[in-house]
Protein backbone atom coordinates (compact mmCIF):
# COMPACT_ATOMS: atom_id res chain seq x y z
CA MET A 1 -175.59 -7.54 60.56
CA LYS A 2 -172.08 -7.80 62.10
CA LYS A 3 -171.76 -9.88 65.20
CA HIS A 4 -170.30 -8.34 68.37
CA GLY A 5 -166.48 -8.52 68.33
CA GLN A 6 -166.20 -9.03 64.59
CA ILE A 7 -163.85 -6.73 62.66
CA GLY A 8 -165.40 -5.25 59.56
CA PHE A 9 -163.70 -6.10 56.36
CA SER A 10 -163.39 -2.49 55.33
CA ALA A 11 -161.75 -1.58 58.65
CA ALA A 12 -159.39 -4.56 58.40
CA THR A 13 -158.56 -3.64 54.85
CA THR A 14 -157.77 -0.07 55.88
CA ILE A 15 -155.45 -1.22 58.64
CA ILE A 16 -153.72 -3.66 56.29
CA VAL A 17 -153.24 -0.97 53.67
CA ILE A 18 -151.76 1.42 56.23
CA LEU A 19 -149.42 -1.20 57.61
CA SER A 20 -148.43 -2.23 54.10
CA ILE A 21 -147.48 1.36 53.30
CA VAL A 22 -145.43 1.50 56.50
CA ILE A 23 -143.70 -1.75 55.55
CA ILE A 24 -142.94 -0.57 52.02
CA GLY A 25 -141.61 2.79 53.26
CA ALA A 26 -139.53 1.26 56.01
CA GLY A 27 -138.26 -1.39 53.63
CA PHE A 28 -137.21 1.25 51.13
CA VAL A 29 -135.29 3.17 53.82
CA LEU A 30 -133.73 -0.04 55.08
CA VAL A 31 -132.61 -1.16 51.65
CA ASN A 32 -131.31 2.31 50.91
CA ASN A 33 -129.30 2.38 54.14
CA MET A 34 -127.93 -1.08 53.44
CA LEU A 35 -126.89 -0.04 49.97
CA LYS A 36 -125.20 3.08 51.33
CA SER A 37 -123.54 1.28 54.19
CA THR A 38 -119.85 1.03 53.34
CA GLU A 39 -117.12 -1.08 54.80
CA LEU A 40 -113.94 0.92 55.34
CA PRO A 41 -111.62 0.13 52.44
CA ALA A 42 -108.26 -1.26 53.47
CA PHE A 43 -105.37 0.82 52.11
CA GLN A 44 -102.33 -1.42 52.03
CA LYS A 45 -98.67 -0.56 51.75
CA SER A 46 -98.49 -2.51 48.49
CA MET A 47 -100.95 -0.07 46.90
CA PRO A 48 -99.57 2.88 44.90
CA GLN A 49 -99.08 5.85 47.20
CA PHE A 50 -101.95 8.20 46.45
CA PHE A 51 -101.03 11.23 48.58
CA LYS A 52 -98.42 13.95 48.91
CA ILE A 53 -97.41 15.16 52.35
CA SER A 54 -95.42 18.13 53.59
CA SER A 55 -95.02 20.33 56.64
CA PHE A 56 -94.82 24.08 57.06
CA PRO A 57 -92.40 25.38 58.04
CA GLU A 58 -89.84 22.78 57.04
CA LYS A 59 -87.93 23.38 60.29
CA GLY A 60 -88.40 25.52 63.36
CA GLN A 61 -87.29 26.12 66.91
CA ILE A 62 -88.93 24.38 69.85
CA GLY A 63 -92.36 25.90 70.25
CA THR A 64 -93.03 26.16 66.52
CA VAL A 65 -96.56 25.18 65.54
CA PHE A 66 -96.09 23.03 62.44
CA ARG A 67 -98.87 22.61 59.91
CA ILE A 68 -99.06 19.14 58.37
CA ASN A 69 -100.50 19.12 54.85
CA LEU A 70 -101.65 16.01 53.01
CA GLU A 71 -103.01 16.13 49.46
CA LEU A 72 -104.94 13.14 48.07
CA THR A 73 -104.83 12.33 44.38
CA ASN A 74 -108.05 10.33 44.82
CA LYS A 75 -110.21 10.77 47.90
CA THR A 76 -112.72 8.00 47.07
CA GLY A 77 -113.36 5.86 50.13
CA VAL A 78 -111.38 8.13 52.47
CA TYR A 79 -113.28 9.05 55.64
CA HIS A 80 -110.65 9.84 58.24
CA ILE A 81 -106.89 10.48 58.23
CA ASP A 82 -104.59 10.36 61.26
CA ALA A 83 -101.03 11.67 61.40
CA LYS A 84 -98.72 10.21 64.04
CA ILE A 85 -95.69 12.21 65.14
CA THR A 86 -92.93 9.86 66.32
CA ASN A 87 -89.40 10.25 67.61
CA ALA A 88 -87.03 7.30 67.79
CA GLY A 89 -90.01 4.99 67.34
CA LYS A 90 -91.96 6.53 70.24
CA ILE A 91 -95.40 8.03 69.49
CA ILE A 92 -95.35 11.68 70.58
CA SER A 93 -98.79 12.71 69.38
CA THR A 94 -101.61 11.61 67.07
CA ILE A 95 -103.70 14.25 65.34
CA ALA A 96 -106.61 14.04 62.93
CA LEU A 97 -106.26 15.83 59.59
CA TYR A 98 -109.19 17.87 58.28
CA ASP A 99 -110.56 18.75 54.87
CA ASP A 100 -112.94 21.45 56.11
CA GLY A 101 -111.26 24.67 54.96
CA SER A 102 -110.66 25.72 58.59
CA HIS A 103 -107.33 24.08 59.42
CA GLY A 104 -105.00 25.66 56.87
CA ASP A 105 -106.19 23.10 54.33
CA SER A 106 -107.31 25.39 51.50
CA SER A 107 -111.01 24.72 50.70
CA ALA A 108 -113.47 22.25 52.20
CA GLY A 109 -113.84 18.99 50.28
CA ASP A 110 -110.93 19.57 47.91
CA GLY A 111 -108.91 16.54 49.01
CA ILE A 112 -106.32 18.61 50.88
CA TYR A 113 -106.16 17.68 54.58
CA ALA A 114 -104.29 19.58 57.29
CA ASN A 115 -103.91 20.25 60.99
CA THR A 116 -101.31 21.73 63.32
CA TRP A 117 -98.95 20.28 65.90
CA ASP A 118 -97.38 22.42 68.64
CA SER A 119 -93.80 21.32 69.31
CA SER A 120 -93.66 23.07 72.72
CA GLY A 121 -92.22 20.88 75.45
CA ASN A 122 -90.36 18.59 73.08
CA SER A 123 -86.62 18.30 72.60
CA GLU A 124 -84.71 19.16 69.47
CA GLY A 125 -84.35 16.47 66.83
CA VAL A 126 -85.99 14.95 63.78
CA TYR A 127 -89.60 13.83 64.20
CA ASP A 128 -91.11 11.40 61.71
CA LEU A 129 -94.66 11.51 60.34
CA ASN A 130 -96.69 8.31 59.91
CA ILE A 131 -100.01 8.40 58.08
CA ILE A 132 -103.04 6.11 58.54
CA ILE A 133 -105.97 6.34 56.12
CA ASN A 134 -109.29 5.20 57.67
CA PRO A 135 -107.77 3.97 60.95
CA SER A 136 -109.08 0.52 61.86
CA ASP A 137 -107.82 -2.98 62.52
CA LYS A 138 -107.54 -3.54 58.76
CA GLN A 139 -105.27 -0.59 58.08
CA ILE A 140 -101.53 -0.26 58.21
CA GLU A 141 -99.39 2.84 58.65
CA TYR A 142 -97.49 4.61 55.93
CA GLU A 143 -94.36 5.11 58.01
CA LYS A 144 -91.86 7.99 57.86
CA VAL A 145 -93.50 9.67 54.88
CA ALA A 146 -92.20 13.09 56.02
CA SER A 147 -90.29 14.62 58.91
CA LEU A 148 -90.23 17.71 61.12
CA ASN A 149 -86.89 19.24 62.06
CA ILE A 150 -86.95 20.91 65.48
CA PHE A 151 -83.98 22.86 66.84
CA LYS A 152 -83.30 24.63 70.10
CA GLU A 153 -83.47 28.41 69.80
CA LYS A 154 -80.00 29.93 69.63
CA CYS A 155 -80.65 33.37 71.05
CA GLU A 156 -77.71 34.64 73.11
CA SER A 157 -77.71 37.92 75.03
CA LEU A 158 -74.64 40.10 74.47
CA ILE A 159 -75.73 43.25 76.34
CA TYR A 160 -78.88 43.06 78.47
CA ASN A 161 -80.18 46.20 80.18
CA GLY A 162 -83.63 45.03 81.23
CA ASP A 163 -87.15 44.07 80.25
CA PRO A 164 -87.54 43.83 76.46
CA ALA A 165 -90.90 45.62 76.76
CA GLU A 166 -89.04 48.74 77.87
CA LYS A 167 -85.92 48.49 75.70
CA VAL A 168 -85.00 48.64 72.04
CA ASP A 169 -84.10 45.03 71.28
CA VAL A 170 -81.52 44.56 68.53
CA ALA A 171 -81.07 41.04 67.14
CA ILE A 172 -77.84 40.48 65.18
CA VAL A 173 -77.68 37.46 62.85
CA PRO A 174 -74.75 36.03 60.90
CA TYR A 175 -74.37 35.13 57.25
CA GLY A 176 -71.50 33.20 55.71
CA TYR A 177 -69.51 32.62 58.90
CA SER A 178 -67.76 29.29 59.30
CA ASN A 179 -66.66 30.25 62.82
CA LEU A 180 -69.41 31.68 65.02
CA ASP A 181 -66.87 32.94 67.56
CA ASP A 182 -65.65 35.33 64.86
CA PHE A 183 -69.23 36.46 64.34
CA ARG A 184 -69.75 37.07 68.04
CA GLN A 185 -66.58 39.20 68.15
CA ASP A 186 -67.62 41.19 65.05
CA ALA A 187 -71.01 41.86 66.61
CA LEU A 188 -69.41 43.06 69.86
CA ASN A 189 -66.96 45.27 67.97
CA TRP A 190 -69.79 46.93 66.05
CA ILE A 191 -71.79 47.54 69.23
CA THR A 192 -68.99 48.75 71.52
CA LYS A 193 -66.60 50.41 69.04
CA GLY A 194 -69.20 51.52 66.54
CA LEU A 195 -72.83 52.26 67.39
CA LEU A 196 -72.41 53.00 71.12
CA ASN A 197 -69.49 55.34 70.41
CA TYR A 198 -71.85 57.71 68.55
CA GLU A 199 -74.08 60.24 70.24
CA PRO A 200 -76.84 60.01 71.21
CA PHE A 201 -76.52 56.21 71.33
CA LYS A 202 -73.52 56.55 73.65
CA SER A 203 -75.49 58.45 76.28
CA GLU A 204 -78.62 56.33 75.81
CA LYS A 205 -76.95 52.92 75.68
CA ASP A 206 -78.93 51.64 78.69
CA LYS A 207 -82.10 51.83 76.57
CA PHE A 208 -80.88 48.98 74.34
CA ASN A 209 -80.60 45.21 74.57
CA PHE A 210 -78.35 43.43 72.09
CA TYR A 211 -78.61 39.75 71.15
CA ILE A 212 -77.05 37.43 68.62
CA VAL A 213 -78.61 34.40 66.98
CA ASN A 214 -75.68 32.04 67.39
CA GLN A 215 -76.60 29.81 64.47
CA LYS A 216 -75.34 29.29 60.94
CA SER A 217 -78.03 30.20 58.43
CA ASP A 218 -78.33 30.49 54.69
CA PHE A 219 -80.18 33.64 53.72
CA LEU A 220 -79.22 33.31 50.04
CA CYS A 221 -77.51 36.71 50.11
CA ASN A 222 -76.17 37.90 46.76
CA ARG A 223 -74.49 41.03 45.49
CA ASP A 224 -76.02 43.27 42.91
CA ASN A 225 -73.85 42.81 39.82
CA ALA A 226 -73.84 46.50 38.95
CA THR A 227 -73.09 48.10 42.32
CA ARG A 228 -71.43 45.27 44.32
CA THR A 229 -72.26 47.21 47.51
CA LEU A 230 -75.98 46.39 47.31
CA MET A 231 -76.85 43.06 48.96
CA TYR A 232 -80.06 41.12 48.40
CA CYS A 233 -81.01 38.48 50.98
CA ASP A 234 -84.00 36.23 51.53
CA ASP A 235 -85.87 38.63 53.83
CA ILE A 236 -88.30 35.95 55.02
CA ALA A 237 -85.42 33.69 56.11
CA VAL A 238 -83.69 36.61 57.87
CA GLU A 239 -86.80 37.62 59.80
CA ARG A 240 -87.65 34.02 60.75
CA THR A 241 -84.14 33.50 62.12
CA ALA A 242 -84.13 36.80 64.02
CA SER A 243 -87.49 35.95 65.63
CA GLN A 244 -85.65 33.60 68.00
CA CYS A 245 -84.65 36.75 69.90
CA PRO A 246 -86.61 39.84 70.87
CA SER A 247 -86.07 41.80 67.67
CA ASP A 248 -87.42 45.33 67.39
CA GLU A 249 -84.46 45.88 65.06
CA ILE A 250 -82.44 43.39 63.00
CA VAL A 251 -78.84 43.66 61.80
CA VAL A 252 -77.19 41.09 59.52
CA ILE A 253 -73.38 40.89 59.54
CA LEU A 254 -71.96 39.16 56.49
CA ASP A 255 -68.57 37.46 56.51
CA ASP A 256 -67.46 39.07 53.26
CA LYS A 257 -64.16 40.78 52.57
CA GLU A 258 -65.65 43.20 50.07
CA PHE A 259 -67.35 46.49 50.92
CA CYS A 260 -71.14 46.27 51.24
CA GLY A 261 -74.12 47.59 53.12
CA THR A 262 -77.88 47.91 52.60
CA ALA A 263 -80.87 48.93 54.72
CA SER A 264 -84.59 48.37 54.32
CA SER A 265 -86.68 47.14 57.26
CA TYR A 266 -83.38 45.84 58.67
CA ALA A 267 -79.69 46.68 58.23
CA LYS A 268 -76.92 44.54 56.77
CA ALA A 269 -73.20 45.16 56.35
CA CYS A 270 -70.08 43.20 55.38
CA ASN A 271 -67.25 42.78 57.86
CA GLY A 272 -64.62 43.30 55.15
CA TRP A 273 -64.33 47.09 55.21
CA ASN A 274 -65.21 49.52 58.01
CA LEU A 275 -67.98 47.43 59.59
CA ARG A 276 -68.46 49.76 62.55
CA GLN A 277 -69.31 52.80 60.41
CA VAL A 278 -71.08 51.08 57.51
CA ALA A 279 -73.37 49.14 59.87
CA THR A 280 -74.04 52.28 61.93
CA HIS A 281 -74.96 54.24 58.78
CA GLU A 282 -77.40 51.52 57.74
CA PHE A 283 -78.79 51.32 61.29
CA GLY A 284 -79.50 55.05 61.03
CA HIS A 285 -81.81 54.22 58.11
CA SER A 286 -83.57 51.18 59.58
CA PHE A 287 -83.89 52.36 63.20
CA ALA A 288 -84.35 56.12 62.94
CA GLY A 289 -85.67 56.49 59.39
CA LEU A 290 -82.86 58.89 58.44
CA GLY A 291 -82.14 59.76 54.83
CA ASP A 292 -78.83 59.82 53.00
CA GLU A 293 -77.10 63.18 53.11
CA TYR A 294 -75.11 62.70 49.92
CA SER A 295 -76.46 63.22 46.40
CA TYR A 296 -77.31 60.13 44.42
CA GLY A 297 -76.36 61.60 41.08
CA SER A 298 -78.08 60.66 37.85
CA ALA A 299 -77.94 56.85 37.97
CA TYR A 300 -81.62 56.62 38.89
CA PRO A 301 -83.23 59.90 37.74
CA GLN A 302 -86.74 58.41 38.02
CA TYR A 303 -86.45 58.29 41.81
CA LYS A 304 -87.46 61.57 43.44
CA ILE A 305 -86.95 61.71 47.19
CA ILE A 306 -89.75 63.35 49.19
CA ALA A 307 -88.59 65.88 51.77
CA GLU A 308 -91.15 64.88 54.38
CA ASP A 309 -90.00 61.26 54.31
CA TYR A 310 -86.71 61.97 56.09
CA PRO A 311 -86.26 64.15 59.19
CA ASN A 312 -82.73 65.19 58.19
CA CYS A 313 -83.59 66.39 54.65
CA ASP A 314 -85.53 69.55 53.80
CA VAL A 315 -86.34 71.98 51.02
CA ASP A 316 -84.47 75.27 50.54
CA GLY A 317 -84.54 77.27 53.76
CA CYS A 318 -84.38 74.21 56.03
CA LYS A 319 -87.26 75.22 58.30
CA LYS A 320 -87.26 71.77 59.89
CA TRP A 321 -84.25 72.67 62.04
CA GLN A 322 -84.49 76.46 62.22
CA ASN A 323 -84.67 76.27 66.05
CA ILE A 324 -81.32 74.45 66.31
CA ASN A 325 -78.37 76.83 66.66
CA ASN A 326 -75.10 76.82 64.73
CA ILE A 327 -76.12 74.60 61.84
CA GLY A 328 -76.70 75.46 58.23
CA CYS A 329 -78.56 74.51 55.08
CA TYR A 330 -76.38 72.79 52.48
CA GLY A 331 -77.48 71.49 49.10
CA GLY A 332 -77.63 67.76 48.48
CA CYS A 333 -79.62 65.33 50.62
CA GLY A 334 -80.35 62.33 48.48
CA SER A 335 -81.22 64.58 45.56
CA ASP A 336 -79.60 67.88 44.58
CA GLU A 337 -82.93 69.68 45.16
CA LEU A 338 -82.95 68.89 48.89
CA PHE A 339 -80.79 70.19 51.72
CA ARG A 340 -78.93 68.89 54.78
CA ALA A 341 -77.85 70.49 58.06
CA THR A 342 -74.04 70.16 57.93
CA LYS A 343 -71.57 70.37 55.12
CA GLU A 344 -69.56 67.23 55.85
CA ASN A 345 -69.71 66.12 59.47
CA CYS A 346 -72.40 63.40 59.52
CA ILE A 347 -72.19 59.65 59.17
CA MET A 348 -75.27 59.80 56.96
CA LYS A 349 -73.08 61.58 54.39
CA LYS A 350 -69.59 60.13 54.80
CA TYR A 351 -67.55 57.92 57.10
CA VAL A 352 -67.06 60.08 60.18
CA ASP A 353 -67.60 59.34 63.87
CA THR A 354 -70.65 61.53 64.44
CA PHE A 355 -74.26 62.15 63.53
CA CYS A 356 -75.26 65.69 62.60
CA PRO A 357 -77.25 67.67 65.24
CA VAL A 358 -80.51 67.16 63.33
CA CYS A 359 -80.01 63.39 63.24
CA GLU A 360 -79.03 63.40 66.93
CA ASN A 361 -82.13 65.35 67.89
CA HIS A 362 -84.37 62.94 65.98
CA ILE A 363 -82.77 59.85 67.56
CA GLU A 364 -83.06 61.43 71.02
CA TYR A 365 -86.72 62.18 70.36
CA ILE A 366 -87.35 58.52 69.46
CA LEU A 367 -85.59 57.24 72.59
CA GLU A 368 -87.15 59.77 74.96
CA ASN A 369 -90.62 58.93 73.68
CA TYR A 370 -90.12 55.19 73.60
CA GLU A 371 -93.37 54.24 75.31
CA LYS A 372 -93.54 51.63 78.00
CA GLY A 373 -95.43 48.67 76.57
CA GLU A 374 -96.77 45.32 77.64
CA ILE A 375 -94.49 43.31 79.88
CA GLN A 376 -92.71 40.56 77.97
CA ASN A 377 -89.98 39.08 80.18
CA LEU A 378 -87.05 37.50 78.39
CA ALA A 379 -87.21 34.51 80.72
CA ALA A 380 -90.76 33.82 79.53
CA MET A 381 -89.98 33.91 75.84
CA PRO A 382 -90.61 30.19 75.10
CA ALA A 383 -94.08 30.44 76.68
CA GLU A 384 -95.14 33.16 74.24
CA LYS A 385 -96.23 32.71 70.68
CA ILE A 386 -96.04 34.96 67.67
CA TYR A 387 -97.41 34.70 64.15
CA LEU A 388 -94.92 35.00 61.31
CA VAL A 389 -96.95 36.18 58.33
CA ASP A 390 -95.27 35.95 54.92
CA LEU A 391 -96.43 38.61 52.46
CA LYS A 392 -95.74 39.27 48.82
CA TYR A 393 -95.76 42.62 47.01
CA GLU A 394 -95.65 42.97 43.25
CA LYS A 395 -96.27 46.12 41.22
CA GLY A 396 -98.60 47.71 43.72
CA ASN A 397 -100.45 44.55 44.75
CA LEU A 398 -100.17 42.97 48.19
CA SER A 399 -100.89 39.26 48.59
CA PHE A 400 -100.66 36.62 51.31
CA LYS A 401 -98.12 33.82 51.03
CA ASP A 402 -98.27 31.78 54.27
CA VAL A 403 -98.35 31.96 58.07
CA TYR A 404 -97.29 29.91 61.05
CA ALA A 405 -96.94 30.38 64.81
CA THR A 406 -93.81 29.91 66.85
CA SER A 407 -92.28 30.82 70.21
CA GLY A 408 -90.94 34.33 70.45
CA THR A 409 -91.50 37.94 71.47
CA ALA A 410 -93.35 40.21 69.07
CA PRO A 411 -91.74 43.57 68.19
CA ASP A 412 -93.28 46.36 70.26
CA ARG A 413 -93.44 48.77 67.28
CA LYS A 414 -93.20 51.81 69.52
CA ILE A 415 -91.40 53.86 66.87
CA LYS A 416 -93.90 55.51 64.58
CA GLU A 417 -92.79 54.81 61.04
CA LYS A 418 -94.25 55.30 57.61
CA ALA A 419 -97.57 53.45 57.67
CA ASP A 420 -98.32 51.84 54.32
CA TYR A 421 -100.60 49.22 55.84
CA THR A 422 -102.58 48.54 59.02
CA ALA A 423 -103.01 45.05 60.47
CA LYS A 424 -105.91 44.21 62.78
CA LEU A 425 -106.06 40.97 64.75
CA MET A 426 -109.74 40.02 65.01
CA SER A 427 -111.50 37.80 67.57
CA PHE A 428 -114.01 35.06 66.82
CA ASP A 429 -116.82 37.53 67.55
CA ASN A 430 -115.25 40.00 65.09
CA LYS A 431 -113.79 42.47 67.58
CA VAL A 432 -110.34 44.05 67.29
CA ILE A 433 -107.89 42.43 69.72
CA TYR A 434 -105.09 44.81 68.73
CA SER A 435 -103.79 46.59 65.64
CA PHE A 436 -100.50 47.95 64.34
CA ASP A 437 -99.13 49.82 61.34
CA PHE A 438 -96.29 48.60 59.18
CA ALA A 439 -94.34 49.89 56.20
CA LEU A 440 -93.65 48.38 52.81
CA PRO A 441 -89.87 47.76 52.88
CA ASN A 442 -89.34 48.32 49.16
CA ILE A 443 -86.71 51.07 49.42
CA LEU A 444 -83.12 49.84 49.73
CA HIS A 445 -80.59 52.37 51.05
CA LEU A 446 -76.94 51.94 50.15
CA PRO A 447 -73.93 53.23 52.09
CA PRO A 448 -71.91 56.24 50.93
CA PRO A 449 -69.10 55.33 48.53
CA GLN A 450 -65.72 54.49 50.04
CA ASN A 451 -64.11 57.48 48.34
CA GLU A 452 -65.80 60.84 47.84
CA ASN A 453 -64.83 60.88 44.15
CA GLU A 454 -66.87 57.72 43.51
CA SER A 455 -70.52 57.92 42.51
CA SER A 456 -73.34 56.03 44.26
CA ILE A 457 -76.77 54.97 43.10
CA GLY A 458 -78.14 55.84 46.56
CA SER A 459 -81.57 54.23 46.99
CA VAL A 460 -83.26 51.56 44.91
CA ILE A 461 -87.03 51.05 44.78
CA LEU A 462 -88.19 47.45 44.37
CA ASP A 463 -91.38 46.71 42.43
CA LYS A 464 -91.64 43.22 43.91
CA LEU A 465 -90.50 41.57 47.13
CA GLU A 466 -91.44 39.04 49.81
CA TRP A 467 -91.10 39.68 53.52
CA THR A 468 -92.46 38.68 56.93
CA ILE A 469 -94.40 40.63 59.53
CA PRO A 470 -94.38 39.23 63.09
CA ALA A 471 -97.42 39.72 65.34
CA LYS A 472 -98.27 38.51 68.83
CA GLN A 473 -100.46 35.40 68.82
CA SER A 474 -103.76 35.23 70.69
CA ASP A 475 -105.97 32.24 71.47
CA LYS A 476 -108.95 34.53 70.92
CA ALA A 477 -107.89 35.35 67.36
CA SER A 478 -109.82 34.23 64.31
CA LYS A 479 -108.15 36.23 61.52
CA LEU A 480 -105.64 38.95 60.71
CA ASP A 481 -107.08 41.64 58.44
CA ILE A 482 -104.77 43.95 56.50
CA TYR A 483 -105.82 47.34 55.13
CA ASP A 484 -104.29 50.09 53.08
CA SER A 485 -105.54 53.68 53.45
CA GLN A 486 -108.70 52.91 51.47
CA LYS A 487 -109.89 49.34 51.93
CA LYS A 488 -109.32 45.85 53.30
CA LEU A 489 -106.76 44.00 51.19
CA LEU A 490 -106.35 40.65 52.95
CA SER A 491 -108.12 38.50 55.54
CA ILE A 492 -105.76 35.80 56.83
CA ASP A 493 -107.15 32.83 58.76
CA VAL A 494 -105.25 32.29 62.03
CA GLY A 495 -108.09 30.66 63.97
CA TYR A 496 -106.63 27.18 63.66
CA PHE A 497 -103.63 28.29 65.75
CA SER A 498 -105.97 29.29 68.59
CA ASN A 499 -106.58 27.07 71.59
CA SER A 500 -110.11 28.23 72.38
CA CYS A 501 -111.37 24.86 73.60
CA GLY A 502 -113.40 25.27 76.79
CA ASP A 503 -115.09 28.57 75.96
CA GLY A 504 -118.43 26.83 75.38
CA LYS A 505 -118.51 27.63 71.65
CA CYS A 506 -117.86 25.11 68.90
CA GLU A 507 -115.67 27.22 66.62
CA LYS A 508 -115.10 26.29 63.00
CA HIS A 509 -111.60 24.95 63.75
CA GLU A 510 -112.87 22.70 66.57
CA SER A 511 -114.43 19.21 66.51
CA ALA A 512 -115.98 16.75 68.95
CA LEU A 513 -112.85 14.59 68.72
CA GLU A 514 -110.42 17.29 69.88
CA CYS A 515 -112.76 19.50 71.91
CA PRO A 516 -115.67 17.43 73.28
CA SER A 517 -116.46 20.12 75.87
CA ASP A 518 -117.48 22.58 73.12
CA CYS A 519 -118.54 20.33 70.23
CA LYS A 520 -121.00 17.42 70.34
CA GLU A 521 -120.45 14.41 68.12
CA ASN A 522 -124.06 14.30 66.95
CA ILE A 523 -123.54 17.69 65.27
CA LYS A 524 -121.72 18.09 61.95
CA ASP A 525 -118.14 19.25 62.46
CA ASP A 526 -116.57 18.05 59.17
CA LEU A 527 -114.71 15.20 60.86
CA CYS A 528 -115.78 11.57 60.53
CA ASN A 529 -115.37 9.69 63.80
CA TYR A 530 -116.69 6.17 63.20
CA GLU A 531 -115.55 4.53 66.42
CA LYS A 532 -118.26 2.60 68.29
CA ASN A 533 -119.24 4.95 71.10
CA GLY A 534 -123.04 4.95 71.05
CA ILE A 535 -123.26 8.21 69.04
CA CYS A 536 -124.11 8.40 65.35
CA ASP A 537 -121.72 10.86 63.67
CA PRO A 538 -123.71 12.81 61.04
CA ASP A 539 -120.49 13.43 59.08
CA CYS A 540 -120.31 9.74 58.13
CA LYS A 541 -123.55 7.88 58.81
CA ASN A 542 -122.73 5.29 56.19
CA VAL A 543 -119.61 4.01 58.01
CA ASP A 544 -120.29 4.81 61.65
CA PRO A 545 -121.47 1.52 63.29
CA ASP A 546 -123.52 3.55 65.78
CA CYS A 547 -125.68 4.80 62.92
CA LYS A 548 -126.54 1.23 61.85
CA LYS A 549 -128.87 0.76 64.84
CA GLU A 550 -131.35 2.75 62.78
CA ASN A 551 -131.49 -0.23 60.42
CA TRP A 552 -132.41 -2.55 63.30
CA ILE A 553 -135.21 -0.21 64.35
CA LEU A 554 -136.61 -0.21 60.80
CA ALA A 555 -136.29 -3.97 60.54
CA GLY A 556 -138.15 -4.36 63.83
CA LEU A 557 -140.89 -2.01 62.66
CA ILE A 558 -141.33 -4.06 59.48
CA ALA A 559 -141.47 -7.33 61.43
CA VAL A 560 -144.10 -6.01 63.85
CA SER A 561 -146.15 -4.66 60.95
CA VAL A 562 -146.06 -8.02 59.14
CA ILE A 563 -147.14 -9.84 62.30
CA LEU A 564 -150.05 -7.41 62.77
CA ILE A 565 -151.22 -7.90 59.17
CA ILE A 566 -151.12 -11.70 59.54
CA ALA A 567 -153.04 -11.48 62.82
CA ILE A 568 -155.74 -9.26 61.30
CA VAL A 569 -156.19 -11.55 58.30
CA MET A 570 -156.43 -14.67 60.52
CA ILE A 571 -158.99 -13.00 62.82
CA GLY A 572 -161.04 -11.88 59.83
CA ARG A 573 -161.15 -15.39 58.39
CA ARG A 574 -162.20 -16.95 61.68
CA LYS A 575 -164.99 -14.49 62.20
């Protein structure tokens, strides 16, 4: 018979067993946490450099959003990487680099870290990059491991007739000039003595703004060895440079004493022979989509021009312009099988000071129907951002090369051109913000020969090329999707250029460190923040000191359990 107040042995044993299990379990967790707990390794300057770093783009005007890329050769022991942007020894900004696949860093966990830095509000100059691996008191900086080159935009207005949203904005850029005053004069001569001397441009001159990019640039322009008149340039470099100005249309003037001219998505011409007419002919291609009115001959018999592609070329009978009086139907418009409206008197056929009536009508139609678009004041240009999306085309396949954001005014694209592709800018909730069509610029148009007795190859079709499409940036944008007529071809991540902090949603490109209003630090965001702030970061429990309080709780639980077991045993013995 048990006395009152005595604990039965079986009950005591049960309690001891339970507490022992708790102790063993807690001890296992404690030991495991202690084994996992890692001191931040100290990466010293004397160690072999184990990363590669670069920026994209390599240089840009003020307002360019640079992407900093760092690739680790061995990511063992790396938990956090900071990049410091400095100028003349002064810290301008410190940004964390991510390996989460959402900051332009390729795939999550692949050892490639990246983030962006907006250069808006800074002055031109060279900015150095310092890198700190696992920032702490033990670490030192890898100083000046890369640099960012920022320049002031060099857009200069030559003829300004009003709001770029309501005008055709023509950006003229130089190539090969040692004296930019000569370039400015050549540009003015082409505008005032060339293009605006031709109808209907002469009567509609107030619908245009003309700018020059007053900056020496290397577009790697080269002549085609066979034709000498055909010029190849780095289209991406041309379009990036022209983006400093509002640029619905681009014209490159080359300081070259030979005869040359080419048109694709933009026009280019040498200043050496008849610049005013050669550049105007090429502008007829790039601006109005006009075709050549001379026959190409047999140099490229595989190229068959399509009548519907060009408003000034038609099949026999010339029904396209049957309602226009006093013009005819003459054989030879690119190919011998197609027909033009006048026998000789058109700059799309030879070097004369007029467009044919069909060409005039088409240009007038474009200008009369130039829709009023979104207001984009020239004075506000630096406050706006555009994406510059580099694309690659090869043998029928379109691929993505790279993208960045910069200050600028996006082309309004009010002229309906051949639509090979459609781009749709998508929001974070997968809605279309806006869309636009764009053409594949793989047809190069050459100017008519200098002498009528000479032959010309006419147009050349490229089976591979690289070029840039500009698009207006939006802080609501997550991606840019590109389609052909049948399916989606590309989905380009632009979310990491968006400043969506404050919308109450923790987007994939946001973290608690940079956007604490949307993202909480106790939620995984693929960034290890191990500073002592009272919050355990789930992205790096093993190095965050705030997570180690869990060990003290377990140790306390074990201690209390041991004390209880001892007390029970002592009471049992006494009784």
